[in-house]
Amino acid sequence: MPYTLGGLSFNTKKEVCAHASAVLNRAALDKFLHGPDARFACDLLAHHPDASRKRGVGVIGITVVHIADWGTRNFRVVRRDGSVDNWSIKKCISHLRPDDHPEGCHGSQSGAVGG
């Protein structure tokens, strides 16, 4: 069953997870994701069970941050009002359905998302 995120096709959720981990590990901390990585992260966020609340008033972009308490890198959504929220890739992947395309980060104000 194919999964399409950010224009990339994956055969399994395990492949999606591996790609998400690769994006998290190669991204510069606290910098907006760009290009294919931004599109992938936005599409992945759309599958979060609470995606609407996570996007809030609209998304400027997505960054990668280090959360010291957890000792992990996480995606963080940056909203138009300046507020931020981290989100779980595991929750997104567990709710992922084959070639389901919910609304991602469309309507962003900067080239950081999808650019």
PDB file of N, CA and C in Angstrom:
ATOM      1  N   MET A   1       0.849  -1.186   0.000  1.00  0.00           N
ATOM      2  CA  MET A   1       0.000   0.000   0.000  1.00  0.00           C
ATOM      3  C   MET A   1       0.892   1.245   0.000  1.00  0.00           C
ATOM      4  N   PRO A   2       0.762   2.089  -0.994  1.00  0.00           N
ATOM      5  CA  PRO A   2       1.641   3.260  -1.052  1.00  0.00           C
ATOM      6  C   PRO A   2       1.170   4.400  -0.145  1.00  0.00           C
ATOM      7  N   TYR A   3       2.142   5.102   0.362  1.00  0.00           N
ATOM      8  CA  TYR A   3       1.911   6.310   1.152  1.00  0.00           C
ATOM      9  C   TYR A   3       2.668   7.422   0.437  1.00  0.00           C
ATOM     10  N   THR A   4       2.002   8.528   0.160  1.00  0.00           N
ATOM     11  CA  THR A   4       2.648   9.638  -0.525  1.00  0.00           C
ATOM     12  C   THR A   4       2.679  10.840   0.403  1.00  0.00           C
ATOM     13  N   LEU A   5       3.882  11.327   0.662  1.00  0.00           N
ATOM     14  CA  LEU A   5       4.076  12.489   1.534  1.00  0.00           C
ATOM     15  C   LEU A   5       5.116  13.400   0.889  1.00  0.00           C
ATOM     16  N   GLY A   6       4.755  14.647   0.691  1.00  0.00           N
ATOM     17  CA  GLY A   6       5.695  15.591   0.104  1.00  0.00           C
ATOM     18  C   GLY A   6       6.139  15.206  -1.289  1.00  0.00           C
ATOM     19  N   GLY A   7       5.276  14.517  -2.012  1.00  0.00           N
ATOM     20  CA  GLY A   7       5.605  14.085  -3.356  1.00  0.00           C
ATOM     21  C   GLY A   7       6.464  12.832  -3.412  1.00  0.00           C
ATOM     22  N   LEU A   8       6.809  12.288  -2.261  1.00  0.00           N
ATOM     23  CA  LEU A   8       7.612  11.068  -2.185  1.00  0.00           C
ATOM     24  C   LEU A   8       6.700   9.883  -1.909  1.00  0.00           C
ATOM     25  N   SER A   9       7.028   8.747  -2.477  1.00  0.00           N
ATOM     26  CA  SER A   9       6.218   7.546  -2.301  1.00  0.00           C
ATOM     27  C   SER A   9       6.951   6.545  -1.411  1.00  0.00           C
ATOM     28  N   PHE A  10       6.206   5.968  -0.480  1.00  0.00           N
ATOM     29  CA  PHE A  10       6.746   4.991   0.460  1.00  0.00           C
ATOM     30  C   PHE A  10       5.852   3.760   0.431  1.00  0.00           C
ATOM     31  N   ASN A  11       6.451   2.587   0.511  1.00  0.00           N
ATOM     32  CA  ASN A  11       5.673   1.346   0.476  1.00  0.00           C
ATOM     33  C   ASN A  11       5.128   0.941   1.833  1.00  0.00           C
ATOM     34  N   THR A  12       5.806   1.349   2.904  1.00  0.00           N
ATOM     35  CA  THR A  12       5.396   0.939   4.252  1.00  0.00           C
ATOM     36  C   THR A  12       5.505   2.117   5.221  1.00  0.00           C
ATOM     37  N   LYS A  13       4.830   1.985   6.348  1.00  0.00           N
ATOM     38  CA  LYS A  13       4.957   2.990   7.404  1.00  0.00           C
ATOM     39  C   LYS A  13       6.378   3.009   7.952  1.00  0.00           C
ATOM     40  N   LYS A  14       7.035   1.866   7.940  1.00  0.00           N
ATOM     41  CA  LYS A  14       8.421   1.792   8.398  1.00  0.00           C
ATOM     42  C   LYS A  14       9.323   2.670   7.526  1.00  0.00           C
ATOM     43  N   GLU A  15       9.079   2.688   6.215  1.00  0.00           N
ATOM     44  CA  GLU A  15       9.839   3.556   5.314  1.00  0.00           C
ATOM     45  C   GLU A  15       9.557   5.026   5.609  1.00  0.00           C
ATOM     46  N   VAL A  16       8.298   5.349   5.903  1.00  0.00           N
ATOM     47  CA  VAL A  16       7.941   6.726   6.265  1.00  0.00           C
ATOM     48  C   VAL A  16       8.694   7.128   7.526  1.00  0.00           C
ATOM     49  N   CYS A  17       8.702   6.255   8.517  1.00  0.00           N
ATOM     50  CA  CYS A  17       9.390   6.523   9.779  1.00  0.00           C
ATOM     51  C   CYS A  17      10.885   6.728   9.548  1.00  0.00           C
ATOM     52  N   ALA A  18      11.492   5.899   8.725  1.00  0.00           N
ATOM     53  CA  ALA A  18      12.924   6.023   8.436  1.00  0.00           C
ATOM     54  C   ALA A  18      13.226   7.351   7.753  1.00  0.00           C
ATOM     55  N   HIS A  19      12.359   7.765   6.831  1.00  0.00           N
ATOM     56  CA  HIS A  19      12.579   9.043   6.143  1.00  0.00           C
ATOM     57  C   HIS A  19      12.395  10.211   7.116  1.00  0.00           C
ATOM     58  N   ALA A  20      11.375  10.141   7.970  1.00  0.00           N
ATOM     59  CA  ALA A  20      11.162  11.197   8.965  1.00  0.00           C
ATOM     60  C   ALA A  20      12.375  11.315   9.879  1.00  0.00           C
ATOM     61  N   SER A  21      12.924  10.195  10.295  1.00  0.00           N
ATOM     62  CA  SER A  21      14.123  10.208  11.143  1.00  0.00           C
ATOM     63  C   SER A  21      15.306  10.817  10.405  1.00  0.00           C
ATOM     64  N   ALA A  22      15.442  10.498   9.125  1.00  0.00           N
ATOM     65  CA  ALA A  22      16.536  11.063   8.331  1.00  0.00           C
ATOM     66  C   ALA A  22      16.405  12.580   8.232  1.00  0.00           C
ATOM     67  N   VAL A  23      15.186  13.062   8.005  1.00  0.00           N
ATOM     68  CA  VAL A  23      14.959  14.512   7.937  1.00  0.00           C
ATOM     69  C   VAL A  23      15.304  15.152   9.277  1.00  0.00           C
ATOM     70  N   LEU A  24      14.826  14.567  10.366  1.00  0.00           N
ATOM     71  CA  LEU A  24      15.120  15.107  11.699  1.00  0.00           C
ATOM     72  C   LEU A  24      16.621  15.179  11.960  1.00  0.00           C
ATOM     73  N   ASN A  25      17.344  14.178  11.541  1.00  0.00           N
ATOM     74  CA  ASN A  25      18.771  14.108  11.851  1.00  0.00           C
ATOM     75  C   ASN A  25      19.652  14.952  10.944  1.00  0.00           C
ATOM     76  N   ARG A  26      19.193  15.254   9.720  1.00  0.00           N
ATOM     77  CA  ARG A  26      20.028  16.062   8.823  1.00  0.00           C
ATOM     78  C   ARG A  26      19.717  17.555   8.895  1.00  0.00           C
ATOM     79  N   ALA A  27      18.569  17.903   9.448  1.00  0.00           N
ATOM     80  CA  ALA A  27      18.160  19.309   9.485  1.00  0.00           C
ATOM     81  C   ALA A  27      18.973  20.095  10.508  1.00  0.00           C
ATOM     82  N   ALA A  28      19.251  21.348  10.162  1.00  0.00           N
ATOM     83  CA  ALA A  28      19.884  22.252  11.116  1.00  0.00           C
ATOM     84  C   ALA A  28      18.860  22.593  12.195  1.00  0.00           C
ATOM     85  N   LEU A  29      19.303  22.642  13.429  1.00  0.00           N
ATOM     86  CA  LEU A  29      18.390  22.964  14.529  1.00  0.00           C
ATOM     87  C   LEU A  29      17.920  24.408  14.426  1.00  0.00           C
ATOM     88  N   ASP A  30      16.649  24.608  14.747  1.00  0.00           N
ATOM     89  CA  ASP A  30      16.032  25.930  14.845  1.00  0.00           C
ATOM     90  C   ASP A  30      16.016  26.711  13.535  1.00  0.00           C
ATOM     91  N   LYS A  31      16.129  26.029  12.416  1.00  0.00           N
ATOM     92  CA  LYS A  31      16.046  26.661  11.094  1.00  0.00           C
ATOM     93  C   LYS A  31      14.855  26.067  10.360  1.00  0.00           C
ATOM     94  N   PHE A  32      14.172  26.905   9.570  1.00  0.00           N
ATOM     95  CA  PHE A  32      13.039  26.399   8.808  1.00  0.00           C
ATOM     96  C   PHE A  32      13.486  25.339   7.810  1.00  0.00           C
ATOM     97  N   LEU A  33      12.699  24.291   7.718  1.00  0.00           N
ATOM     98  CA  LEU A  33      12.901  23.299   6.667  1.00  0.00           C
ATOM     99  C   LEU A  33      12.503  23.934   5.339  1.00  0.00           C
ATOM    100  N   HIS A  34      13.141  23.489   4.263  1.00  0.00           N
ATOM    101  CA  HIS A  34      12.837  23.996   2.926  1.00  0.00           C
ATOM    102  C   HIS A  34      12.681  22.838   1.955  1.00  0.00           C
ATOM    103  N   GLY A  35      12.091  23.123   0.814  1.00  0.00           N
ATOM    104  CA  GLY A  35      12.018  22.162  -0.281  1.00  0.00           C
ATOM    105  C   GLY A  35      11.340  20.860   0.094  1.00  0.00           C
ATOM    106  N   PRO A  36      11.889  19.750  -0.396  1.00  0.00           N
ATOM    107  CA  PRO A  36      11.253  18.440  -0.174  1.00  0.00           C
ATOM    108  C   PRO A  36      11.080  18.089   1.303  1.00  0.00           C
ATOM    109  N   ASP A  37      12.030  18.482   2.149  1.00  0.00           N
ATOM    110  CA  ASP A  37      11.902  18.172   3.579  1.00  0.00           C
ATOM    111  C   ASP A  37      10.726  18.920   4.193  1.00  0.00           C
ATOM    112  N   ALA A  38      10.528  20.178   3.797  1.00  0.00           N
ATOM    113  CA  ALA A  38       9.395  20.956   4.309  1.00  0.00           C
ATOM    114  C   ALA A  38       8.076  20.363   3.836  1.00  0.00           C
ATOM    115  N   ARG A  39       8.010  20.003   2.567  1.00  0.00           N
ATOM    116  CA  ARG A  39       6.772  19.420   2.037  1.00  0.00           C
ATOM    117  C   ARG A  39       6.458  18.090   2.721  1.00  0.00           C
ATOM    118  N   PHE A  40       7.481  17.267   2.923  1.00  0.00           N
ATOM    119  CA  PHE A  40       7.286  15.990   3.610  1.00  0.00           C
ATOM    120  C   PHE A  40       6.764  16.223   5.029  1.00  0.00           C
ATOM    121  N   ALA A  41       7.419  17.117   5.784  1.00  0.00           N
ATOM    122  CA  ALA A  41       7.026  17.365   7.174  1.00  0.00           C
ATOM    123  C   ALA A  41       5.604  17.915   7.258  1.00  0.00           C
ATOM    124  N   CYS A  42       5.241  18.822   6.351  1.00  0.00           N
ATOM    125  CA  CYS A  42       3.879  19.372   6.361  1.00  0.00           C
ATOM    126  C   CYS A  42       2.839  18.301   6.066  1.00  0.00           C
ATOM    127  N   ASP A  43       3.138  17.463   5.084  1.00  0.00           N
ATOM    128  CA  ASP A  43       2.197  16.384   4.773  1.00  0.00           C
ATOM    129  C   ASP A  43       2.101  15.383   5.918  1.00  0.00           C
ATOM    130  N   LEU A  44       3.216  15.117   6.581  1.00  0.00           N
ATOM    131  CA  LEU A  44       3.194  14.208   7.726  1.00  0.00           C
ATOM    132  C   LEU A  44       2.359  14.805   8.862  1.00  0.00           C
ATOM    133  N   LEU A  45       2.553  16.088   9.146  1.00  0.00           N
ATOM    134  CA  LEU A  45       1.783  16.771  10.193  1.00  0.00           C
ATOM    135  C   LEU A  45       0.280  16.659   9.937  1.00  0.00           C
ATOM    136  N   ALA A  46      -0.122  16.688   8.684  1.00  0.00           N
ATOM    137  CA  ALA A  46      -1.547  16.619   8.345  1.00  0.00           C
ATOM    138  C   ALA A  46      -2.199  15.334   8.842  1.00  0.00           C
ATOM    139  N   HIS A  47      -1.402  14.313   9.117  1.00  0.00           N
ATOM    140  CA  HIS A  47      -1.944  13.039   9.594  1.00  0.00           C
ATOM    141  C   HIS A  47      -1.983  12.941  11.119  1.00  0.00           C
ATOM    142  N   HIS A  48      -1.513  13.964  11.809  1.00  0.00           N
ATOM    143  CA  HIS A  48      -1.576  13.973  13.274  1.00  0.00           C
ATOM    144  C   HIS A  48      -3.045  13.989  13.693  1.00  0.00           C
ATOM    145  N   PRO A  49      -3.429  13.240  14.721  1.00  0.00           N
ATOM    146  CA  PRO A  49      -4.835  13.216  15.130  1.00  0.00           C
ATOM    147  C   PRO A  49      -5.356  14.576  15.583  1.00  0.00           C
ATOM    148  N   ASP A  50      -4.463  15.480  15.932  1.00  0.00           N
ATOM    149  CA  ASP A  50      -4.855  16.821  16.360  1.00  0.00           C
ATOM    150  C   ASP A  50      -4.232  17.876  15.432  1.00  0.00           C
ATOM    151  N   ALA A  51      -4.170  17.553  14.136  1.00  0.00           N
ATOM    152  CA  ALA A  51      -3.491  18.416  13.161  1.00  0.00           C
ATOM    153  C   ALA A  51      -4.065  19.825  13.114  1.00  0.00           C
ATOM    154  N   SER A  52      -5.369  19.952  13.183  1.00  0.00           N
ATOM    155  CA  SER A  52      -5.987  21.274  13.103  1.00  0.00           C
ATOM    156  C   SER A  52      -5.510  22.173  14.242  1.00  0.00           C
ATOM    157  N   ARG A  53      -5.464  21.637  15.444  1.00  0.00           N
ATOM    158  CA  ARG A  53      -4.986  22.423  16.588  1.00  0.00           C
ATOM    159  C   ARG A  53      -3.492  22.692  16.459  1.00  0.00           C
ATOM    160  N   LYS A  54      -2.746  21.725  15.977  1.00  0.00           N
ATOM    161  CA  LYS A  54      -1.303  21.905  15.808  1.00  0.00           C
ATOM    162  C   LYS A  54      -1.012  23.031  14.809  1.00  0.00           C
ATOM    163  N   ARG A  55      -1.792  23.107  13.723  1.00  0.00           N
ATOM    164  CA  ARG A  55      -1.608  24.172  12.726  1.00  0.00           C
ATOM    165  C   ARG A  55      -2.111  25.509  13.241  1.00  0.00           C
ATOM    166  N   GLY A  56      -3.111  25.487  14.111  1.00  0.00           N
ATOM    167  CA  GLY A  56      -3.622  26.712  14.719  1.00  0.00           C
ATOM    168  C   GLY A  56      -4.074  27.740  13.702  1.00  0.00           C
ATOM    169  N   VAL A  57      -3.567  28.967  13.850  1.00  0.00           N
ATOM    170  CA  VAL A  57      -3.979  30.093  13.007  1.00  0.00           C
ATOM    171  C   VAL A  57      -3.336  30.070  11.626  1.00  0.00           C
ATOM    172  N   GLY A  58      -2.531  29.086  11.373  1.00  0.00           N
ATOM    173  CA  GLY A  58      -1.815  28.976  10.102  1.00  0.00           C
ATOM    174  C   GLY A  58      -0.340  28.756  10.362  1.00  0.00           C
ATOM    175  N   VAL A  59       0.309  28.161   9.412  1.00  0.00           N
ATOM    176  CA  VAL A  59       1.698  27.749   9.584  1.00  0.00           C
ATOM    177  C   VAL A  59       2.636  28.637   8.780  1.00  0.00           C
ATOM    178  N   ILE A  60       3.653  29.149   9.455  1.00  0.00           N
ATOM    179  CA  ILE A  60       4.738  29.851   8.764  1.00  0.00           C
ATOM    180  C   ILE A  60       5.737  28.826   8.254  1.00  0.00           C
ATOM    181  N   GLY A  61       6.071  27.855   9.087  1.00  0.00           N
ATOM    182  CA  GLY A  61       7.038  26.838   8.688  1.00  0.00           C
ATOM    183  C   GLY A  61       7.234  25.799   9.767  1.00  0.00           C
ATOM    184  N   ILE A  62       8.132  24.885   9.475  1.00  0.00           N
ATOM    185  CA  ILE A  62       8.465  23.812  10.412  1.00  0.00           C
ATOM    186  C   ILE A  62       9.968  23.820  10.634  1.00  0.00           C
ATOM    187  N   THR A  63      10.355  23.705  11.894  1.00  0.00           N
ATOM    188  CA  THR A  63      11.764  23.630  12.268  1.00  0.00           C
ATOM    189  C   THR A  63      12.013  22.300  12.970  1.00  0.00           C
ATOM    190  N   VAL A  64      13.277  22.035  13.226  1.00  0.00           N
ATOM    191  CA  VAL A  64      13.664  20.888  14.045  1.00  0.00           C
ATOM    192  C   VAL A  64      14.334  21.447  15.288  1.00  0.00           C
ATOM    193  N   VAL A  65      13.901  20.978  16.440  1.00  0.00           N
ATOM    194  CA  VAL A  65      14.457  21.442  17.715  1.00  0.00           C
ATOM    195  C   VAL A  65      14.932  20.245  18.527  1.00  0.00           C
ATOM    196  N   HIS A  66      15.847  20.520  19.443  1.00  0.00           N
ATOM    197  CA  HIS A  66      16.296  19.495  20.389  1.00  0.00           C
ATOM    198  C   HIS A  66      15.543  19.730  21.685  1.00  0.00           C
ATOM    199  N   ILE A  67      14.864  18.720  22.165  1.00  0.00           N
ATOM    200  CA  ILE A  67      14.134  18.829  23.426  1.00  0.00           C
ATOM    201  C   ILE A  67      14.971  18.119  24.482  1.00  0.00           C
ATOM    202  N   ALA A  68      15.631  18.926  25.307  1.00  0.00           N
ATOM    203  CA  ALA A  68      16.600  18.406  26.277  1.00  0.00           C
ATOM    204  C   ALA A  68      15.972  17.413  27.257  1.00  0.00           C
ATOM    205  N   ASP A  69      14.755  17.699  27.714  1.00  0.00           N
ATOM    206  CA  ASP A  69      14.099  16.808  28.678  1.00  0.00           C
ATOM    207  C   ASP A  69      13.915  15.398  28.126  1.00  0.00           C
ATOM    208  N   TRP A  70      13.745  15.297  26.826  1.00  0.00           N
ATOM    209  CA  TRP A  70      13.523  13.998  26.202  1.00  0.00           C
ATOM    210  C   TRP A  70      14.789  13.459  25.551  1.00  0.00           C
ATOM    211  N   GLY A  71      15.766  14.336  25.319  1.00  0.00           N
ATOM    212  CA  GLY A  71      16.994  13.931  24.643  1.00  0.00           C
ATOM    213  C   GLY A  71      16.778  13.573  23.184  1.00  0.00           C
ATOM    214  N   THR A  72      15.788  14.230  22.560  1.00  0.00           N
ATOM    215  CA  THR A  72      15.453  13.905  21.171  1.00  0.00           C
ATOM    216  C   THR A  72      15.318  15.161  20.324  1.00  0.00           C
ATOM    217  N   ARG A  73      15.408  14.953  19.027  1.00  0.00           N
ATOM    218  CA  ARG A  73      15.081  15.995  18.052  1.00  0.00           C
ATOM    219  C   ARG A  73      13.610  15.819  17.693  1.00  0.00           C
ATOM    220  N   ASN A  74      12.915  16.931  17.549  1.00  0.00           N
ATOM    221  CA  ASN A  74      11.501  16.887  17.204  1.00  0.00           C
ATOM    222  C   ASN A  74      11.178  17.966  16.187  1.00  0.00           C
ATOM    223  N   PHE A  75      10.149  17.690  15.383  1.00  0.00           N
ATOM    224  CA  PHE A  75       9.614  18.723  14.509  1.00  0.00           C
ATOM    225  C   PHE A  75       8.839  19.716  15.367  1.00  0.00           C
ATOM    226  N   ARG A  76       8.915  20.981  14.980  1.00  0.00           N
ATOM    227  CA  ARG A  76       8.153  22.028  15.665  1.00  0.00           C
ATOM    228  C   ARG A  76       7.476  22.881  14.605  1.00  0.00           C
ATOM    229  N   VAL A  77       6.179  23.059  14.748  1.00  0.00           N
ATOM    230  CA  VAL A  77       5.437  23.922  13.847  1.00  0.00           C
ATOM    231  C   VAL A  77       5.499  25.349  14.393  1.00  0.00           C
ATOM    232  N   VAL A  78       5.749  26.308  13.503  1.00  0.00           N
ATOM    233  CA  VAL A  78       5.771  27.727  13.853  1.00  0.00           C
ATOM    234  C   VAL A  78       4.556  28.354  13.180  1.00  0.00           C
ATOM    235  N   ARG A  79       3.686  28.929  14.006  1.00  0.00           N
ATOM    236  CA  ARG A  79       2.426  29.469  13.503  1.00  0.00           C
ATOM    237  C   ARG A  79       2.546  30.955  13.165  1.00  0.00           C
ATOM    238  N   ARG A  80       1.583  31.432  12.418  1.00  0.00           N
ATOM    239  CA  ARG A  80       1.558  32.839  11.980  1.00  0.00           C
ATOM    240  C   ARG A  80       1.561  33.821  13.142  1.00  0.00           C
ATOM    241  N   ASP A  81       0.998  33.418  14.274  1.00  0.00           N
ATOM    242  CA  ASP A  81       0.957  34.325  15.427  1.00  0.00           C
ATOM    243  C   ASP A  81       2.227  34.237  16.270  1.00  0.00           C
ATOM    244  N   GLY A  82       3.214  33.458  15.817  1.00  0.00           N
ATOM    245  CA  GLY A  82       4.477  33.322  16.538  1.00  0.00           C
ATOM    246  C   GLY A  82       4.502  32.190  17.545  1.00  0.00           C
ATOM    247  N   SER A  83       3.363  31.582  17.807  1.00  0.00           N
ATOM    248  CA  SER A  83       3.340  30.457  18.744  1.00  0.00           C
ATOM    249  C   SER A  83       3.928  29.217  18.072  1.00  0.00           C
ATOM    250  N   VAL A  84       4.358  28.282  18.890  1.00  0.00           N
ATOM    251  CA  VAL A  84       4.994  27.062  18.384  1.00  0.00           C
ATOM    252  C   VAL A  84       4.431  25.844  19.106  1.00  0.00           C
ATOM    253  N   ASP A  85       4.596  24.682  18.489  1.00  0.00           N
ATOM    254  CA  ASP A  85       4.190  23.430  19.122  1.00  0.00           C
ATOM    255  C   ASP A  85       4.981  22.302  18.476  1.00  0.00           C
ATOM    256  N   ASN A  86       5.506  21.418  19.298  1.00  0.00           N
ATOM    257  CA  ASN A  86       6.168  20.238  18.747  1.00  0.00           C
ATOM    258  C   ASN A  86       5.109  19.173  18.501  1.00  0.00           C
ATOM    259  N   TRP A  87       5.478  18.147  17.733  1.00  0.00           N
ATOM    260  CA  TRP A  87       4.511  17.105  17.426  1.00  0.00           C
ATOM    261  C   TRP A  87       5.208  15.777  17.198  1.00  0.00           C
ATOM    262  N   SER A  88       4.455  14.742  17.453  1.00  0.00           N
ATOM    263  CA  SER A  88       4.973  13.380  17.428  1.00  0.00           C
ATOM    264  C   SER A  88       4.853  12.755  16.040  1.00  0.00           C
ATOM    265  N   ILE A  89       5.991  12.325  15.480  1.00  0.00           N
ATOM    266  CA  ILE A  89       5.914  11.623  14.198  1.00  0.00           C
ATOM    267  C   ILE A  89       5.231  10.271  14.376  1.00  0.00           C
ATOM    268  N   LYS A  90       5.375   9.677  15.554  1.00  0.00           N
ATOM    269  CA  LYS A  90       4.746   8.375  15.804  1.00  0.00           C
ATOM    270  C   LYS A  90       3.225   8.476  15.720  1.00  0.00           C
ATOM    271  N   LYS A  91       2.657   9.554  16.282  1.00  0.00           N
ATOM    272  CA  LYS A  91       1.206   9.738  16.204  1.00  0.00           C
ATOM    273  C   LYS A  91       0.767   9.937  14.760  1.00  0.00           C
ATOM    274  N   CYS A  92       1.544  10.700  14.008  1.00  0.00           N
ATOM    275  CA  CYS A  92       1.208  10.931  12.597  1.00  0.00           C
ATOM    276  C   CYS A  92       1.237   9.625  11.816  1.00  0.00           C
ATOM    277  N   ILE A  93       2.288   8.858  12.010  1.00  0.00           N
ATOM    278  CA  ILE A  93       2.445   7.612  11.259  1.00  0.00           C
ATOM    279  C   ILE A  93       1.385   6.590  11.658  1.00  0.00           C
ATOM    280  N   SER A  94       1.018   6.560  12.934  1.00  0.00           N
ATOM    281  CA  SER A  94      -0.006   5.597  13.356  1.00  0.00           C
ATOM    282  C   SER A  94      -1.370   5.923  12.748  1.00  0.00           C
ATOM    283  N   HIS A  95      -1.605   7.193  12.381  1.00  0.00           N
ATOM    284  CA  HIS A  95      -2.873   7.594  11.772  1.00  0.00           C
ATOM    285  C   HIS A  95      -2.786   7.705  10.249  1.00  0.00           C
ATOM    286  N   LEU A  96      -1.646   7.380   9.692  1.00  0.00           N
ATOM    287  CA  LEU A  96      -1.423   7.451   8.253  1.00  0.00           C
ATOM    288  C   LEU A  96      -2.231   6.382   7.535  1.00  0.00           C
ATOM    289  N   ARG A  97      -2.906   6.782   6.470  1.00  0.00           N
ATOM    290  CA  ARG A  97      -3.674   5.853   5.642  1.00  0.00           C
ATOM    291  C   ARG A  97      -3.108   5.901   4.223  1.00  0.00           C
ATOM    292  N   PRO A  98      -3.121   4.777   3.516  1.00  0.00           N
ATOM    293  CA  PRO A  98      -2.556   4.756   2.160  1.00  0.00           C
ATOM    294  C   PRO A  98      -3.159   5.834   1.261  1.00  0.00           C
ATOM    295  N   ASP A  99      -2.275   6.616   0.707  1.00  0.00           N
ATOM    296  CA  ASP A  99      -2.613   7.685  -0.231  1.00  0.00           C
ATOM    297  C   ASP A  99      -3.812   8.529   0.182  1.00  0.00           C
ATOM    298  N   ASP A 100      -3.891   8.807   1.465  1.00  0.00           N
ATOM    299  CA  ASP A 100      -4.847   9.762   2.015  1.00  0.00           C
ATOM    300  C   ASP A 100      -4.137  11.107   2.020  1.00  0.00           C
ATOM    301  N   HIS A 101      -4.805  12.157   1.559  1.00  0.00           N
ATOM    302  CA  HIS A 101      -4.151  13.458   1.437  1.00  0.00           C
ATOM    303  C   HIS A 101      -4.922  14.545   2.184  1.00  0.00           C
ATOM    304  N   PRO A 102      -4.868  14.555   3.513  1.00  0.00           N
ATOM    305  CA  PRO A 102      -5.516  15.639   4.256  1.00  0.00           C
ATOM    306  C   PRO A 102      -4.769  16.946   4.026  1.00  0.00           C
ATOM    307  N   GLU A 103      -5.386  18.040   4.421  1.00  0.00           N
ATOM    308  CA  GLU A 103      -4.775  19.359   4.233  1.00  0.00           C
ATOM    309  C   GLU A 103      -3.476  19.463   5.020  1.00  0.00           C
ATOM    310  N   GLY A 104      -2.404  19.834   4.339  1.00  0.00           N
ATOM    311  CA  GLY A 104      -1.093  20.005   4.975  1.00  0.00           C
ATOM    312  C   GLY A 104      -0.938  21.413   5.516  1.00  0.00           C
ATOM    313  N   CYS A 105       0.144  22.061   5.168  1.00  0.00           N
ATOM    314  CA  CYS A 105       0.457  23.406   5.658  1.00  0.00           C
ATOM    315  C   CYS A 105       0.151  24.459   4.610  1.00  0.00           C
ATOM    316  N   HIS A 106      -0.862  24.262   3.808  1.00  0.00           N
ATOM    317  CA  HIS A 106      -1.187  25.181   2.723  1.00  0.00           C
ATOM    318  C   HIS A 106      -1.490  26.568   3.261  1.00  0.00           C
ATOM    319  N   GLY A 107      -1.198  27.553   2.454  1.00  0.00           N
ATOM    320  CA  GLY A 107      -1.490  28.925   2.833  1.00  0.00           C
ATOM    321  C   GLY A 107      -0.457  29.537   3.740  1.00  0.00           C
ATOM    322  N   SER A 108       0.745  28.976   3.763  1.00  0.00           N
ATOM    323  CA  SER A 108       1.791  29.522   4.626  1.00  0.00           C
ATOM    324  C   SER A 108       2.217  30.892   4.132  1.00  0.00           C
ATOM    325  N   GLN A 109       2.789  31.670   5.022  1.00  0.00           N
ATOM    326  CA  GLN A 109       3.194  33.033   4.718  1.00  0.00           C
ATOM    327  C   GLN A 109       4.624  33.133   4.204  1.00  0.00           C
ATOM    328  N   SER A 110       5.395  32.062   4.269  1.00  0.00           N
ATOM    329  CA  SER A 110       6.793  32.166   3.856  1.00  0.00           C
ATOM    330  C   SER A 110       7.156  31.048   2.905  1.00  0.00           C
ATOM    331  N   GLY A 111       8.289  31.187   2.274  1.00  0.00           N
ATOM    332  CA  GLY A 111       8.786  30.157   1.387  1.00  0.00           C
ATOM    333  C   GLY A 111       9.302  28.953   2.141  1.00  0.00           C
ATOM    334  N   ALA A 112       9.301  29.011   3.470  1.00  0.00           N
ATOM    335  CA  ALA A 112       9.842  27.910   4.259  1.00  0.00           C
ATOM    336  C   ALA A 112       9.025  26.644   4.075  1.00  0.00           C
ATOM    337  N   VAL A 113       7.734  26.795   3.915  1.00  0.00           N
ATOM    338  CA  VAL A 113       6.877  25.627   3.761  1.00  0.00           C
ATOM    339  C   VAL A 113       6.623  25.403   2.283  1.00  0.00           C
ATOM    340  N   GLY A 114       7.078  24.267   1.839  1.00  0.00           N
ATOM    341  CA  GLY A 114       6.827  23.878   0.463  1.00  0.00           C
ATOM    342  C   GLY A 114       7.710  24.563  -0.549  1.00  0.00           C
ATOM    343  N   GLY A 115       8.563  25.478  -0.099  1.00  0.00           N
ATOM    344  CA  GLY A 115       9.370  26.239  -1.044  1.00  0.00           C
ATOM    345  C   GLY A 115      10.716  25.686  -1.295  1.00  0.00           C
TER     346      GLY A 115
END
